[in-house]
Amino acid sequence: MEVERYKNREFSHTIISNKRIVSKVHYHDEYELYYLVRGETNYFIRDEIFKVKEGDFVFVPKGVIHKTDSEECLDNERILLSFGDSILTAEASEHIKELSKEKLIYVPKKHRHIIEELLKKIKKEYSDNLNFSRELVSLYTMEILLLLCRLKETSTRDLDETERIIQSISEYINQNFDQDLTLKSLSRKFAMSEGHLSRKFKAISGMGLCEYITFVRIHNAAKLLSRTDFSLTKISSMCGFNDSNYFSSVFKKIKGTTPYKYSKYKKSL
């Protein structure tokens, strides 16, 4: 069972009972703060794997692919806050950089009530939608970011050997998405059998290896389409596709529009 205590585009508070929660791999143009009130989940962000437990915050930079999978933990409660640059102060860029370095922040019990009270205030402002609600949401969000920057020094991650290898494979894919990446070549490079690599990658990241490679390539192609005037053929080649027609087909399947229309729309903003 999944119960939405409150939800809008920028704030949601969800309680999940007796249900595994798996989100699709995705990214968006806003920053994301994920607070796990209760339970456990795995968070996969670009090429990093985080084991998230009660009291943890996860900071997801904008434009970075990510997904969650609660696996065997069927009872979770989480709060999700999304925000863009428009509500941040001029000084916030340094805080964003700090949180982007260490995306998992553990909040000790003695400090949780402070941040949870700020989250309640944000929820109330969105719910009431009174005069100056947007300004107050901005102030409360900035206060949370500052507190998390202060607390991030105590954050730790504990991955087992297989998880570290899968994370290394993810890092390699993100750095070499223009190369000929296959299950066979990666299994040879990381000294792991094809079957074992395939199963473990799926189990840990929540997505198939080929699916992840394709998503990384399309994600980077979208950036190039938004920021450059390179031809479609050049972009498809730069992102590891040998056939521009196949690239266009895959791009439309994932993004819901053609590369040409996507580029035109992004450059018109």
Protein backbone atom coordinates (compact mmCIF):
# COMPACT_ATOMS: atom_id res chain seq x y z
CA MET A 1 0.00 0.00 0.00
CA GLU A 2 1.21 3.50 -0.87
CA VAL A 3 -0.27 6.52 0.88
CA GLU A 4 0.46 10.08 -0.24
CA ARG A 5 0.33 12.31 2.83
CA TYR A 6 0.88 15.29 0.52
CA LYS A 7 2.09 15.69 -3.04
CA ASN A 8 2.68 18.39 -5.60
CA ARG A 9 5.37 18.87 -8.24
CA GLU A 10 7.92 20.17 -5.72
CA PHE A 11 7.10 18.38 -2.45
CA SER A 12 5.80 14.93 -1.57
CA HIS A 13 5.46 12.93 1.65
CA THR A 14 4.81 9.24 1.04
CA ILE A 15 4.31 6.24 3.34
CA ILE A 16 4.73 2.78 1.79
CA SER A 17 3.58 -0.43 3.48
CA ASN A 18 4.13 -4.01 2.31
CA LYS A 19 5.39 -2.93 -1.11
CA ARG A 20 8.74 -2.83 -2.89
CA ILE A 21 9.31 0.59 -4.44
CA VAL A 22 11.39 0.78 -7.62
CA SER A 23 11.59 4.04 -9.56
CA LYS A 24 12.55 4.17 -13.22
CA VAL A 25 15.91 5.65 -14.13
CA HIS A 26 15.31 9.34 -14.79
CA TYR A 27 16.67 12.86 -14.43
CA HIS A 28 15.17 16.33 -14.26
CA ASP A 29 16.09 20.00 -14.37
CA GLU A 30 15.66 20.56 -10.63
CA TYR A 31 17.76 19.61 -7.62
CA GLU A 32 16.30 16.87 -5.47
CA LEU A 33 16.45 16.29 -1.72
CA TYR A 34 15.32 12.85 -0.58
CA TYR A 35 14.81 12.29 3.15
CA LEU A 36 14.18 8.77 4.41
CA VAL A 37 12.09 9.09 7.56
CA ARG A 38 11.81 5.33 8.02
CA GLY A 39 13.05 2.18 6.24
CA GLU A 40 15.90 1.41 3.83
CA THR A 41 16.51 1.80 0.10
CA ASN A 42 19.30 1.75 -2.46
CA TYR A 43 19.92 4.99 -4.36
CA PHE A 44 21.71 4.84 -7.70
CA ILE A 45 23.00 8.26 -8.81
CA ARG A 46 24.85 8.43 -12.13
CA ASP A 47 27.72 6.08 -11.25
CA GLU A 48 27.44 5.94 -7.47
CA ILE A 49 25.52 3.53 -5.23
CA PHE A 50 24.22 4.60 -1.83
CA LYS A 51 22.67 2.48 0.89
CA VAL A 52 20.10 4.84 2.39
CA LYS A 53 18.78 4.25 5.90
CA GLU A 54 16.53 6.02 8.39
CA GLY A 55 17.70 9.57 9.01
CA ASP A 56 19.61 9.87 5.72
CA PHE A 57 19.31 12.69 3.23
CA VAL A 58 20.26 12.20 -0.41
CA PHE A 59 21.11 15.21 -2.58
CA VAL A 60 20.69 14.71 -6.33
CA PRO A 61 22.18 17.43 -8.57
CA LYS A 62 20.01 18.58 -11.47
CA GLY A 63 20.46 16.79 -14.78
CA VAL A 64 21.95 13.66 -13.18
CA ILE A 65 20.37 10.25 -13.83
CA HIS A 66 19.18 8.39 -10.75
CA LYS A 67 16.78 5.76 -9.45
CA THR A 68 15.78 4.03 -6.19
CA ASP A 69 15.01 0.45 -5.23
CA SER A 70 13.83 -0.51 -1.74
CA GLU A 71 14.51 -4.21 -2.51
CA GLU A 72 13.59 -6.34 0.53
CA CYS A 73 12.48 -3.41 2.68
CA LEU A 74 8.73 -3.17 2.09
CA ASP A 75 7.90 -0.46 4.65
CA ASN A 76 9.27 3.00 3.96
CA GLU A 77 8.41 6.62 4.62
CA ARG A 78 10.09 9.35 2.63
CA ILE A 79 9.89 13.06 1.92
CA LEU A 80 10.97 14.41 -1.46
CA LEU A 81 11.76 18.08 -2.10
CA SER A 82 12.54 19.38 -5.59
CA PHE A 83 13.71 22.93 -6.28
CA GLY A 84 15.33 25.00 -8.98
CA ASP A 85 17.84 27.82 -9.03
CA SER A 86 15.04 30.40 -8.81
CA ILE A 87 14.50 29.85 -5.08
CA LEU A 88 18.20 29.81 -4.18
CA THR A 89 20.19 32.77 -2.91
CA ALA A 90 23.26 34.08 -4.70
CA GLU A 91 25.52 32.36 -2.17
CA ALA A 92 23.85 28.96 -2.61
CA SER A 93 26.13 27.79 -5.43
CA GLU A 94 28.89 26.96 -2.93
CA HIS A 95 26.50 24.92 -0.78
CA ILE A 96 25.29 23.04 -3.86
CA LYS A 97 28.90 22.21 -4.76
CA GLU A 98 29.55 20.91 -1.26
CA LEU A 99 26.48 18.67 -1.26
CA SER A 100 27.27 17.40 -4.77
CA LYS A 101 30.60 16.06 -3.52
CA GLU A 102 29.05 13.90 -0.79
CA LYS A 103 25.47 13.18 -1.82
CA LEU A 104 24.54 11.03 1.19
CA ILE A 105 24.20 12.92 4.48
CA TYR A 106 23.34 11.18 7.72
CA VAL A 107 21.32 13.27 10.20
CA PRO A 108 21.83 12.21 13.84
CA LYS A 109 18.64 11.78 15.88
CA LYS A 110 19.33 14.86 17.99
CA HIS A 111 19.24 17.05 14.85
CA ARG A 112 16.36 15.42 12.98
CA HIS A 113 13.57 17.36 14.66
CA ILE A 114 15.10 20.62 13.41
CA ILE A 115 15.13 19.57 9.78
CA GLU A 116 11.81 17.74 10.00
CA GLU A 117 10.22 20.91 11.38
CA LEU A 118 11.58 22.86 8.40
CA LEU A 119 10.14 20.25 6.03
CA LYS A 120 6.76 20.58 7.77
CA LYS A 121 6.91 24.34 7.27
CA ILE A 122 7.65 23.89 3.56
CA LYS A 123 4.76 21.46 3.24
CA LYS A 124 2.43 23.93 4.97
CA GLU A 125 3.47 26.80 2.70
CA TYR A 126 2.82 24.73 -0.41
CA SER A 127 -0.49 23.54 1.03
CA ASP A 128 -1.75 26.98 2.17
CA ASN A 129 -0.31 28.92 -0.79
CA LEU A 130 -0.58 32.28 0.93
CA ASN A 131 1.18 35.56 0.21
CA PHE A 132 4.98 35.20 0.44
CA SER A 133 4.78 31.38 0.50
CA ARG A 134 7.40 31.13 -2.25
CA GLU A 135 9.79 33.38 -0.31
CA LEU A 136 9.35 31.34 2.87
CA VAL A 137 9.89 28.07 1.00
CA SER A 138 13.14 29.56 -0.32
CA LEU A 139 14.29 30.52 3.19
CA TYR A 140 13.41 27.13 4.69
CA THR A 141 15.11 25.27 1.81
CA MET A 142 18.26 27.34 2.22
CA GLU A 143 18.29 26.61 5.95
CA ILE A 144 18.05 22.87 5.25
CA LEU A 145 20.92 23.07 2.74
CA LEU A 146 23.10 24.92 5.25
CA LEU A 147 22.38 22.40 8.00
CA LEU A 148 23.18 19.50 5.67
CA CYS A 149 26.48 21.11 4.67
CA ARG A 150 27.34 21.30 8.38
CA LEU A 151 26.37 17.67 8.96
CA LYS A 152 27.91 16.12 5.86
CA GLU A 153 31.29 15.60 7.51
CA THR A 154 29.83 12.72 9.55
CA SER A 155 28.38 10.92 6.49
CA THR A 156 29.75 7.49 5.62
CA ARG A 157 29.14 4.86 2.95
CA ASP A 158 29.58 1.13 3.35
CA LEU A 159 29.67 -0.87 0.11
CA ASP A 160 30.67 -4.51 -0.21
CA GLU A 161 33.22 -5.70 -2.79
CA THR A 162 30.68 -6.54 -5.50
CA GLU A 163 28.92 -3.18 -5.08
CA ARG A 164 32.27 -1.40 -5.41
CA ILE A 165 32.95 -3.26 -8.67
CA ILE A 166 29.51 -2.39 -10.05
CA GLN A 167 30.12 1.24 -9.08
CA SER A 168 33.47 1.13 -10.92
CA ILE A 169 31.73 -0.29 -13.99
CA SER A 170 29.16 2.51 -13.83
CA GLU A 171 31.92 5.10 -13.58
CA TYR A 172 33.68 3.55 -16.57
CA ILE A 173 30.49 3.64 -18.66
CA ASN A 174 29.90 7.31 -17.83
CA GLN A 175 33.46 8.19 -18.81
CA ASN A 176 33.54 6.05 -21.98
CA PHE A 177 29.97 6.09 -23.31
CA ASP A 178 31.32 6.96 -26.79
CA GLN A 179 33.23 3.65 -26.96
CA ASP A 180 32.03 0.21 -28.07
CA LEU A 181 30.67 -0.98 -24.72
CA THR A 182 29.39 -4.55 -24.53
CA LEU A 183 28.73 -7.08 -21.80
CA LYS A 184 31.63 -9.14 -23.15
CA SER A 185 34.15 -6.27 -23.14
CA LEU A 186 33.14 -5.08 -19.68
CA SER A 187 33.22 -8.57 -18.16
CA ARG A 188 36.73 -9.02 -19.53
CA LYS A 189 37.91 -5.61 -18.30
CA PHE A 190 36.53 -6.10 -14.77
CA ALA A 191 37.40 -9.82 -14.50
CA MET A 192 33.82 -10.96 -13.95
CA SER A 193 31.88 -13.56 -15.91
CA GLU A 194 29.24 -12.18 -18.27
CA GLY A 195 26.40 -13.90 -16.45
CA HIS A 196 27.56 -12.79 -13.01
CA LEU A 197 28.13 -9.20 -14.14
CA SER A 198 24.72 -9.04 -15.81
CA ARG A 199 22.89 -10.43 -12.77
CA LYS A 200 24.75 -8.30 -10.22
CA PHE A 201 24.42 -5.09 -12.22
CA LYS A 202 20.68 -5.63 -12.47
CA ALA A 203 20.35 -6.59 -8.81
CA ILE A 204 22.35 -3.63 -7.49
CA SER A 205 21.41 -0.84 -9.91
CA GLY A 206 17.88 -2.01 -10.61
CA MET A 207 18.36 -1.85 -14.39
CA GLY A 208 19.94 -4.00 -17.08
CA LEU A 209 23.49 -3.24 -18.22
CA CYS A 210 22.45 -2.50 -21.82
CA GLU A 211 19.58 -0.34 -20.58
CA TYR A 212 21.97 1.68 -18.44
CA ILE A 213 24.51 2.14 -21.26
CA THR A 214 21.75 3.31 -23.61
CA PHE A 215 20.32 5.73 -21.04
CA VAL A 216 23.76 7.25 -20.35
CA ARG A 217 24.33 7.74 -24.08
CA ILE A 218 20.93 9.36 -24.64
CA HIS A 219 21.41 11.54 -21.56
CA ASN A 220 24.68 12.88 -22.96
CA ALA A 221 23.22 13.24 -26.45
CA ALA A 222 20.45 15.40 -24.97
CA LYS A 223 23.08 17.69 -23.44
CA LEU A 224 24.83 18.06 -26.80
CA LEU A 225 21.55 18.73 -28.60
CA SER A 226 20.77 21.47 -26.08
CA ARG A 227 24.16 23.16 -26.07
CA THR A 228 25.79 22.67 -29.50
CA ASP A 229 25.05 22.97 -33.20
CA PHE A 230 26.66 19.65 -34.09
CA SER A 231 24.91 17.59 -36.74
CA LEU A 232 22.75 14.65 -35.75
CA THR A 233 25.26 12.27 -37.32
CA LYS A 234 28.13 13.75 -35.31
CA ILE A 235 26.21 13.66 -32.02
CA SER A 236 25.11 10.07 -32.54
CA SER A 237 28.73 9.08 -33.23
CA MET A 238 30.02 11.05 -30.23
CA CYS A 239 27.57 9.15 -28.01
CA GLY A 240 28.46 5.66 -29.17
CA PHE A 241 25.82 5.09 -31.87
CA ASN A 242 27.00 3.80 -35.25
CA ASP A 243 23.73 4.57 -37.01
CA SER A 244 22.07 8.01 -36.74
CA ASN A 245 18.67 6.56 -37.72
CA TYR A 246 18.87 4.02 -34.90
CA PHE A 247 19.99 6.81 -32.55
CA SER A 248 16.94 8.89 -33.50
CA SER A 249 14.65 5.93 -32.90
CA VAL A 250 16.12 5.20 -29.46
CA PHE A 251 16.12 8.90 -28.53
CA LYS A 252 12.42 9.25 -29.38
CA LYS A 253 11.57 6.10 -27.42
CA ILE A 254 13.29 7.41 -24.27
CA LYS A 255 12.61 11.16 -24.54
CA GLY A 256 9.23 11.02 -26.26
CA THR A 257 10.28 13.31 -29.11
CA THR A 258 12.77 13.41 -31.98
CA PRO A 259 16.32 14.76 -31.51
CA TYR A 260 15.51 17.64 -33.88
CA LYS A 261 12.39 18.72 -31.97
CA TYR A 262 14.18 18.30 -28.64
CA SER A 263 17.07 20.49 -29.78
CA LYS A 264 14.74 23.14 -31.18
CA TYR A 265 12.69 23.26 -27.99
CA LYS A 266 15.68 23.43 -25.62
CA LYS A 267 17.36 26.21 -27.62
CA SER A 268 14.14 28.24 -27.63
CA LEU A 269 14.05 28.43 -23.82
